Protein backbone atom coordinates (compact mmCIF):
# COMPACT_ATOMS: atom_id res chain seq x y z
CA MET A 1 15.76 -16.34 15.83
CA LEU A 2 15.97 -14.01 12.83
CA GLY A 3 16.20 -16.97 10.43
CA VAL A 4 12.97 -18.44 11.83
CA LEU A 5 11.16 -15.13 11.43
CA LEU A 6 12.37 -14.77 7.84
CA LYS A 7 11.19 -18.30 7.03
CA LYS A 8 7.75 -17.56 8.48
CA LEU A 9 7.61 -14.29 6.55
CA MET A 10 8.48 -16.06 3.29
CA GLU A 11 5.80 -18.71 3.95
CA MET A 12 3.22 -16.00 4.61
CA LEU A 13 4.20 -14.19 1.40
CA LYS A 14 3.83 -17.41 -0.59
CA VAL A 15 0.39 -18.05 0.85
CA TYR A 16 -1.04 -14.53 0.70
CA VAL A 17 0.84 -12.62 -1.99
CA LEU A 18 1.76 -15.18 -4.66
CA PRO A 19 -1.83 -15.94 -5.78
CA TYR A 20 -2.56 -12.23 -6.25
CA TYR A 21 0.75 -11.72 -8.03
CA LYS A 22 -0.20 -14.41 -10.54
CA ILE A 23 -3.62 -12.82 -11.12
CA VAL A 24 -2.12 -9.36 -11.66
CA LYS A 25 0.54 -10.80 -13.96
CA GLU A 26 -2.09 -12.49 -16.14
CA PHE A 27 -4.19 -9.32 -16.18
CA VAL A 28 -1.22 -7.27 -17.38
CA LYS A 29 -0.57 -9.86 -20.10
CA THR A 30 -4.10 -9.34 -21.44
CA LYS A 31 -3.56 -5.60 -21.99
CA GLY A 32 -5.06 -4.74 -18.63
CA PHE A 33 -2.21 -2.44 -17.71
CA THR A 34 -3.14 0.03 -20.45
CA ALA A 35 -6.73 0.04 -19.24
CA LEU A 36 -5.67 0.72 -15.64
CA VAL A 37 -3.40 3.56 -16.71
CA ALA A 38 -6.23 5.09 -18.76
CA LEU A 39 -8.58 4.81 -15.77
CA ALA A 40 -6.07 6.51 -13.48
CA PHE A 41 -5.34 9.18 -16.11
CA GLY A 42 -9.05 9.89 -16.63
CA SER A 43 -9.74 10.02 -12.89
CA ILE A 44 -6.89 12.43 -12.23
CA LEU A 45 -7.97 14.72 -15.05
CA LEU A 46 -11.59 14.73 -13.87
CA LEU A 47 -10.49 15.60 -10.36
CA MET A 48 -8.33 18.43 -11.72
CA GLY A 49 -11.31 19.88 -13.62
CA TYR A 50 -10.66 18.72 -17.18
CA PRO A 51 -13.83 16.75 -17.99
CA PHE A 52 -13.33 16.46 -21.77
CA ILE A 53 -9.80 15.05 -21.62
CA GLY A 54 -10.77 12.92 -18.61
CA GLY A 55 -13.60 11.49 -20.68
CA ILE A 56 -11.11 10.48 -23.34
CA GLY A 57 -9.15 8.60 -20.68
CA PHE A 58 -12.32 6.80 -19.56
CA GLY A 59 -13.12 5.99 -23.19
CA VAL A 60 -9.75 4.29 -23.60
CA PHE A 61 -10.36 2.42 -20.34
CA PHE A 62 -13.75 1.10 -21.46
CA SER A 63 -12.56 0.21 -24.96
CA LYS A 64 -9.60 -1.77 -23.54
CA ASN A 65 -11.91 -3.58 -21.14
CA THR A 66 -14.26 -4.57 -23.95
CA GLU A 67 -11.25 -6.00 -25.82
CA ILE A 68 -10.29 -8.01 -22.74
CA ILE A 69 -13.84 -9.34 -22.28
CA LYS A 70 -14.08 -10.20 -25.97
CA GLU A 71 -10.81 -12.15 -25.81
CA LEU A 72 -11.96 -14.03 -22.72
CA ILE A 73 -15.24 -14.98 -24.38
CA GLU A 74 -13.44 -16.13 -27.54
CA ASP A 75 -11.07 -18.28 -25.43
CA TYR A 76 -13.98 -20.12 -23.81
CA MET A 77 -15.98 -20.70 -27.01
């Protein structure tokens, strides 16, 4: 009984989680992790009342995203 449930759970994970895992893995490879950390850092600082330093975090986030978009465009051209 438990073996059948574990097999069904593994099948569900393969169907629902594996595609998202691959997308996240590729995003991290393209320097997306740094951008996400900067976004979180900037958001936390803004919520804590430090707008200047939070703005620096958002600036890093946007600059990393423009690098990612530029690389994607260069790959397709």
